[in-house]
Each structure stands twice: as structure tokens, then as C-alpha cells.
Amino acid sequence: MRGVQAYARSHGGEIQLLGVSEEGDVRIRLKGTCSGCPMAGITLKLGVEQQLRALVPGIRKVVQIR
């Protein structure tokens, strides 16, 4: 996750972890320039979700909270 967070910060954004449900749903908030960015969906799926699934067993999905 460090790589994705570093990438977001290099563009003036931030990825904030809000919590994880018992079912394995990770809730995050994109802040700064990442909030509303047209590439946010790609960052979410190919960056955050992919890295979390590789590192943490039981992650079902990543959900963006606005």
C-alpha cells in the first residue's frame, strides 16, 4: 500500500483508511487531488485493492466513501 499512497501523495492526494468490515470490505476515502480525479476508479481497483488482496487474506473488496 505504501507505493500507492506515495503515488497519491506525489500528485497532491491521500488515501485514508476508514475501516474494514467483518466481511472483508475495506472502506477508504480519497482526499486532496485524488478526490474527484477521473483516474480514481483505476487507482482504487488496480492499486489499492490489488495490493491489499496480495497482502491481507480475506479482503473481499475496496469501497470508496465520499
PDB file of N, CA and C in Angstrom:
ATOM      1  N   MET A   1       0.824  -1.192   0.000  1.00  0.00           N
ATOM      2  CA  MET A   1       0.000   0.000   0.000  1.00  0.00           C
ATOM      3  C   MET A   1       0.865   1.251   0.000  1.00  0.00           C
ATOM      4  N   ARG A   2       2.083   1.129   0.483  1.00  0.00           N
ATOM      5  CA  ARG A   2       2.966   2.293   0.533  1.00  0.00           C
ATOM      6  C   ARG A   2       3.191   2.888  -0.847  1.00  0.00           C
ATOM      7  N   GLY A   3       3.341   2.025  -1.849  1.00  0.00           N
ATOM      8  CA  GLY A   3       3.583   2.505  -3.201  1.00  0.00           C
ATOM      9  C   GLY A   3       2.419   3.317  -3.730  1.00  0.00           C
ATOM     10  N   VAL A   4       1.214   2.847  -3.489  1.00  0.00           N
ATOM     11  CA  VAL A   4       0.024   3.561  -3.956  1.00  0.00           C
ATOM     12  C   VAL A   4      -0.131   4.872  -3.196  1.00  0.00           C
ATOM     13  N   GLN A   5       0.086   4.846  -1.898  1.00  0.00           N
ATOM     14  CA  GLN A   5      -0.021   6.062  -1.081  1.00  0.00           C
ATOM     15  C   GLN A   5       1.041   7.085  -1.513  1.00  0.00           C
ATOM     16  N   ALA A   6       2.251   6.617  -1.765  1.00  0.00           N
ATOM     17  CA  ALA A   6       3.319   7.517  -2.211  1.00  0.00           C
ATOM     18  C   ALA A   6       2.962   8.137  -3.561  1.00  0.00           C
ATOM     19  N   TYR A   7       2.392   7.345  -4.444  1.00  0.00           N
ATOM     20  CA  TYR A   7       1.969   7.854  -5.745  1.00  0.00           C
ATOM     21  C   TYR A   7       0.892   8.923  -5.576  1.00  0.00           C
ATOM     22  N   ALA A   8      -0.084   8.648  -4.731  1.00  0.00           N
ATOM     23  CA  ALA A   8      -1.159   9.612  -4.489  1.00  0.00           C
ATOM     24  C   ALA A   8      -0.591  10.911  -3.918  1.00  0.00           C
ATOM     25  N   ARG A   9       0.310  10.796  -2.973  1.00  0.00           N
ATOM     26  CA  ARG A   9       0.896  11.992  -2.352  1.00  0.00           C
ATOM     27  C   ARG A   9       1.735  12.792  -3.337  1.00  0.00           C
ATOM     28  N   SER A  10       2.387  12.099  -4.269  1.00  0.00           N
ATOM     29  CA  SER A  10       3.204  12.807  -5.254  1.00  0.00           C
ATOM     30  C   SER A  10       2.349  13.668  -6.172  1.00  0.00           C
ATOM     31  N   HIS A  11       1.052  13.395  -6.220  1.00  0.00           N
ATOM     32  CA  HIS A  11       0.129  14.169  -7.029  1.00  0.00           C
ATOM     33  C   HIS A  11      -0.776  15.063  -6.170  1.00  0.00           C
ATOM     34  N   GLY A  12      -0.435  15.217  -4.891  1.00  0.00           N
ATOM     35  CA  GLY A  12      -1.207  16.097  -4.018  1.00  0.00           C
ATOM     36  C   GLY A  12      -2.430  15.437  -3.408  1.00  0.00           C
ATOM     37  N   GLY A  13      -2.482  14.109  -3.405  1.00  0.00           N
ATOM     38  CA  GLY A  13      -3.629  13.395  -2.852  1.00  0.00           C
ATOM     39  C   GLY A  13      -3.259  12.558  -1.649  1.00  0.00           C
ATOM     40  N   GLU A  14      -4.245  11.861  -1.129  1.00  0.00           N
ATOM     41  CA  GLU A  14      -4.048  10.987   0.031  1.00  0.00           C
ATOM     42  C   GLU A  14      -5.121   9.906   0.024  1.00  0.00           C
ATOM     43  N   ILE A  15      -4.750   8.733   0.484  1.00  0.00           N
ATOM     44  CA  ILE A  15      -5.688   7.627   0.625  1.00  0.00           C
ATOM     45  C   ILE A  15      -5.844   7.358   2.114  1.00  0.00           C
ATOM     46  N   GLN A  16      -7.051   7.515   2.614  1.00  0.00           N
ATOM     47  CA  GLN A  16      -7.330   7.376   4.044  1.00  0.00           C
ATOM     48  C   GLN A  16      -8.112   6.092   4.299  1.00  0.00           C
ATOM     49  N   LEU A  17      -7.591   5.231   5.169  1.00  0.00           N
ATOM     50  CA  LEU A  17      -8.291   4.010   5.564  1.00  0.00           C
ATOM     51  C   LEU A  17      -9.320   4.355   6.625  1.00  0.00           C
ATOM     52  N   LEU A  18     -10.590   4.032   6.349  1.00  0.00           N
ATOM     53  CA  LEU A  18     -11.664   4.327   7.285  1.00  0.00           C
ATOM     54  C   LEU A  18     -12.027   3.131   8.150  1.00  0.00           C
ATOM     55  N   GLY A  19     -11.847   1.921   7.615  1.00  0.00           N
ATOM     56  CA  GLY A  19     -12.166   0.737   8.391  1.00  0.00           C
ATOM     57  C   GLY A  19     -12.340  -0.474   7.508  1.00  0.00           C
ATOM     58  N   VAL A  20     -12.467  -1.619   8.174  1.00  0.00           N
ATOM     59  CA  VAL A  20     -12.654  -2.900   7.490  1.00  0.00           C
ATOM     60  C   VAL A  20     -13.809  -3.629   8.168  1.00  0.00           C
ATOM     61  N   SER A  21     -14.767  -4.074   7.365  1.00  0.00           N
ATOM     62  CA  SER A  21     -15.911  -4.795   7.926  1.00  0.00           C
ATOM     63  C   SER A  21     -15.523  -6.253   8.195  1.00  0.00           C
ATOM     64  N   GLU A  22     -16.332  -6.932   8.957  1.00  0.00           N
ATOM     65  CA  GLU A  22     -16.100  -8.349   9.247  1.00  0.00           C
ATOM     66  C   GLU A  22     -16.152  -9.196   7.984  1.00  0.00           C
ATOM     67  N   GLU A  23     -16.868  -8.712   6.970  1.00  0.00           N
ATOM     68  CA  GLU A  23     -16.995  -9.442   5.709  1.00  0.00           C
ATOM     69  C   GLU A  23     -15.773  -9.251   4.810  1.00  0.00           C
ATOM     70  N   GLY A  24     -14.873  -8.347   5.177  1.00  0.00           N
ATOM     71  CA  GLY A  24     -13.671  -8.108   4.389  1.00  0.00           C
ATOM     72  C   GLY A  24     -13.779  -6.947   3.420  1.00  0.00           C
ATOM     73  N   ASP A  25     -14.742  -6.070   3.631  1.00  0.00           N
ATOM     74  CA  ASP A  25     -14.876  -4.866   2.806  1.00  0.00           C
ATOM     75  C   ASP A  25     -14.045  -3.753   3.436  1.00  0.00           C
ATOM     76  N   VAL A  26     -13.127  -3.209   2.662  1.00  0.00           N
ATOM     77  CA  VAL A  26     -12.258  -2.134   3.128  1.00  0.00           C
ATOM     78  C   VAL A  26     -12.863  -0.810   2.674  1.00  0.00           C
ATOM     79  N   ARG A  27     -13.051   0.106   3.612  1.00  0.00           N
ATOM     80  CA  ARG A  27     -13.603   1.426   3.296  1.00  0.00           C
ATOM     81  C   ARG A  27     -12.468   2.446   3.300  1.00  0.00           C
ATOM     82  N   ILE A  28     -12.340   3.170   2.179  1.00  0.00           N
ATOM     83  CA  ILE A  28     -11.311   4.198   2.087  1.00  0.00           C
ATOM     84  C   ILE A  28     -11.929   5.509   1.597  1.00  0.00           C
ATOM     85  N   ARG A  29     -11.199   6.579   1.834  1.00  0.00           N
ATOM     86  CA  ARG A  29     -11.593   7.891   1.315  1.00  0.00           C
ATOM     87  C   ARG A  29     -10.387   8.455   0.580  1.00  0.00           C
ATOM     88  N   LEU A  30     -10.629   8.942  -0.631  1.00  0.00           N
ATOM     89  CA  LEU A  30      -9.594   9.623  -1.392  1.00  0.00           C
ATOM     90  C   LEU A  30      -9.710  11.102  -1.092  1.00  0.00           C
ATOM     91  N   LYS A  31      -8.577  11.718  -0.740  1.00  0.00           N
ATOM     92  CA  LYS A  31      -8.577  13.127  -0.352  1.00  0.00           C
ATOM     93  C   LYS A  31      -7.638  13.915  -1.251  1.00  0.00           C
ATOM     94  N   GLY A  32      -7.713  15.224  -1.151  1.00  0.00           N
ATOM     95  CA  GLY A  32      -6.853  16.093  -1.933  1.00  0.00           C
ATOM     96  C   GLY A  32      -7.185  15.985  -3.411  1.00  0.00           C
ATOM     97  N   THR A  33      -6.166  15.994  -4.241  1.00  0.00           N
ATOM     98  CA  THR A  33      -6.396  15.944  -5.681  1.00  0.00           C
ATOM     99  C   THR A  33      -6.948  14.604  -6.134  1.00  0.00           C
ATOM    100  N   CYS A  34      -6.842  13.564  -5.324  1.00  0.00           N
ATOM    101  CA  CYS A  34      -7.394  12.249  -5.685  1.00  0.00           C
ATOM    102  C   CYS A  34      -8.924  12.247  -5.624  1.00  0.00           C
ATOM    103  N   SER A  35      -9.479  13.099  -4.788  1.00  0.00           N
ATOM    104  CA  SER A  35     -10.921  13.186  -4.664  1.00  0.00           C
ATOM    105  C   SER A  35     -11.498  13.793  -5.934  1.00  0.00           C
ATOM    106  N   GLY A  36     -12.302  13.032  -6.623  1.00  0.00           N
ATOM    107  CA  GLY A  36     -12.906  13.508  -7.852  1.00  0.00           C
ATOM    108  C   GLY A  36     -12.040  13.336  -9.091  1.00  0.00           C
ATOM    109  N   CYS A  37     -10.861  12.774  -8.945  1.00  0.00           N
ATOM    110  CA  CYS A  37      -9.974  12.556 -10.091  1.00  0.00           C
ATOM    111  C   CYS A  37     -10.588  11.508 -11.019  1.00  0.00           C
ATOM    112  N   PRO A  38     -10.526  11.721 -12.334  1.00  0.00           N
ATOM    113  CA  PRO A  38     -11.078  10.744 -13.279  1.00  0.00           C
ATOM    114  C   PRO A  38     -10.377   9.384 -13.223  1.00  0.00           C
ATOM    115  N   MET A  39      -9.164   9.346 -12.701  1.00  0.00           N
ATOM    116  CA  MET A  39      -8.408   8.085 -12.611  1.00  0.00           C
ATOM    117  C   MET A  39      -8.613   7.387 -11.259  1.00  0.00           C
ATOM    118  N   ALA A  40      -9.439   7.930 -10.393  1.00  0.00           N
ATOM    119  CA  ALA A  40      -9.621   7.389  -9.049  1.00  0.00           C
ATOM    120  C   ALA A  40     -10.098   5.938  -9.068  1.00  0.00           C
ATOM    121  N   GLY A  41     -11.007   5.596  -9.960  1.00  0.00           N
ATOM    122  CA  GLY A  41     -11.500   4.220 -10.047  1.00  0.00           C
ATOM    123  C   GLY A  41     -10.405   3.238 -10.398  1.00  0.00           C
ATOM    124  N   ILE A  42      -9.517   3.635 -11.273  1.00  0.00           N
ATOM    125  CA  ILE A  42      -8.396   2.774 -11.657  1.00  0.00           C
ATOM    126  C   ILE A  42      -7.422   2.640 -10.495  1.00  0.00           C
ATOM    127  N   THR A  43      -7.136   3.749  -9.824  1.00  0.00           N
ATOM    128  CA  THR A  43      -6.258   3.702  -8.650  1.00  0.00           C
ATOM    129  C   THR A  43      -6.840   2.768  -7.601  1.00  0.00           C
ATOM    130  N   LEU A  44      -8.139   2.843  -7.414  1.00  0.00           N
ATOM    131  CA  LEU A  44      -8.817   2.020  -6.422  1.00  0.00           C
ATOM    132  C   LEU A  44      -8.695   0.533  -6.748  1.00  0.00           C
ATOM    133  N   LYS A  45      -9.022   0.146  -7.971  1.00  0.00           N
ATOM    134  CA  LYS A  45      -9.033  -1.271  -8.354  1.00  0.00           C
ATOM    135  C   LYS A  45      -7.644  -1.833  -8.604  1.00  0.00           C
ATOM    136  N   LEU A  46      -6.843  -1.143  -9.418  1.00  0.00           N
ATOM    137  CA  LEU A  46      -5.548  -1.682  -9.822  1.00  0.00           C
ATOM    138  C   LEU A  46      -4.424  -1.344  -8.854  1.00  0.00           C
ATOM    139  N   GLY A  47      -4.661  -0.401  -7.975  1.00  0.00           N
ATOM    140  CA  GLY A  47      -3.648  -0.030  -6.994  1.00  0.00           C
ATOM    141  C   GLY A  47      -3.988  -0.544  -5.621  1.00  0.00           C
ATOM    142  N   VAL A  48      -4.944   0.100  -4.988  1.00  0.00           N
ATOM    143  CA  VAL A  48      -5.289  -0.190  -3.593  1.00  0.00           C
ATOM    144  C   VAL A  48      -5.808  -1.621  -3.426  1.00  0.00           C
ATOM    145  N   GLU A  49      -6.851  -1.974  -4.156  1.00  0.00           N
ATOM    146  CA  GLU A  49      -7.468  -3.295  -3.973  1.00  0.00           C
ATOM    147  C   GLU A  49      -6.497  -4.427  -4.307  1.00  0.00           C
ATOM    148  N   GLN A  50      -5.779  -4.282  -5.390  1.00  0.00           N
ATOM    149  CA  GLN A  50      -4.848  -5.333  -5.806  1.00  0.00           C
ATOM    150  C   GLN A  50      -3.749  -5.546  -4.753  1.00  0.00           C
ATOM    151  N   GLN A  51      -3.192  -4.464  -4.234  1.00  0.00           N
ATOM    152  CA  GLN A  51      -2.148  -4.602  -3.220  1.00  0.00           C
ATOM    153  C   GLN A  51      -2.695  -5.165  -1.917  1.00  0.00           C
ATOM    154  N   LEU A  52      -3.862  -4.720  -1.502  1.00  0.00           N
ATOM    155  CA  LEU A  52      -4.436  -5.236  -0.255  1.00  0.00           C
ATOM    156  C   LEU A  52      -4.749  -6.729  -0.358  1.00  0.00           C
ATOM    157  N   ARG A  53      -5.299  -7.152  -1.485  1.00  0.00           N
ATOM    158  CA  ARG A  53      -5.604  -8.584  -1.662  1.00  0.00           C
ATOM    159  C   ARG A  53      -4.335  -9.431  -1.596  1.00  0.00           C
ATOM    160  N   ALA A  54      -3.231  -8.914  -2.116  1.00  0.00           N
ATOM    161  CA  ALA A  54      -1.966  -9.645  -2.094  1.00  0.00           C
ATOM    162  C   ALA A  54      -1.373  -9.707  -0.685  1.00  0.00           C
ATOM    163  N   LEU A  55      -1.613  -8.680   0.121  1.00  0.00           N
ATOM    164  CA  LEU A  55      -1.002  -8.594   1.443  1.00  0.00           C
ATOM    165  C   LEU A  55      -1.876  -9.092   2.587  1.00  0.00           C
ATOM    166  N   VAL A  56      -3.195  -9.003   2.420  1.00  0.00           N
ATOM    167  CA  VAL A  56      -4.103  -9.301   3.533  1.00  0.00           C
ATOM    168  C   VAL A  56      -5.133 -10.342   3.100  1.00  0.00           C
ATOM    169  N   PRO A  57      -5.051 -11.550   3.654  1.00  0.00           N
ATOM    170  CA  PRO A  57      -6.045 -12.565   3.306  1.00  0.00           C
ATOM    171  C   PRO A  57      -7.447 -12.152   3.780  1.00  0.00           C
ATOM    172  N   GLY A  58      -8.440 -12.477   2.992  1.00  0.00           N
ATOM    173  CA  GLY A  58      -9.817 -12.220   3.396  1.00  0.00           C
ATOM    174  C   GLY A  58     -10.396 -10.907   2.910  1.00  0.00           C
ATOM    175  N   ILE A  59      -9.614 -10.098   2.201  1.00  0.00           N
ATOM    176  CA  ILE A  59     -10.158  -8.849   1.663  1.00  0.00           C
ATOM    177  C   ILE A  59     -11.115  -9.191   0.526  1.00  0.00           C
ATOM    178  N   ARG A  60     -12.326  -8.734   0.626  1.00  0.00           N
ATOM    179  CA  ARG A  60     -13.340  -9.015  -0.387  1.00  0.00           C
ATOM    180  C   ARG A  60     -13.370  -7.935  -1.455  1.00  0.00           C
ATOM    181  N   LYS A  61     -13.419  -6.675  -1.005  1.00  0.00           N
ATOM    182  CA  LYS A  61     -13.434  -5.572  -1.957  1.00  0.00           C
ATOM    183  C   LYS A  61     -13.060  -4.283  -1.240  1.00  0.00           C
ATOM    184  N   VAL A  62     -12.723  -3.285  -2.044  1.00  0.00           N
ATOM    185  CA  VAL A  62     -12.410  -1.951  -1.522  1.00  0.00           C
ATOM    186  C   VAL A  62     -13.522  -1.016  -1.979  1.00  0.00           C
ATOM    187  N   VAL A  63     -14.065  -0.272  -1.038  1.00  0.00           N
ATOM    188  CA  VAL A  63     -15.191   0.618  -1.307  1.00  0.00           C
ATOM    189  C   VAL A  63     -14.754   2.047  -1.005  1.00  0.00           C
ATOM    190  N   GLN A  64     -14.991   2.943  -1.952  1.00  0.00           N
ATOM    191  CA  GLN A  64     -14.678   4.345  -1.735  1.00  0.00           C
ATOM    192  C   GLN A  64     -15.866   5.039  -1.076  1.00  0.00           C
ATOM    193  N   ILE A  65     -15.583   5.716   0.031  1.00  0.00           N
ATOM    194  CA  ILE A  65     -16.575   6.506   0.755  1.00  0.00           C
ATOM    195  C   ILE A  65     -16.281   7.970   0.442  1.00  0.00           C
ATOM    196  N   ARG A  66     -17.280   8.685   0.038  1.00  0.00           N
ATOM    197  CA  ARG A  66     -17.053  10.103  -0.309  1.00  0.00           C
ATOM    198  C   ARG A  66     -17.385  11.009   0.819  1.00  0.00           C
TER     199      ARG A  66
END
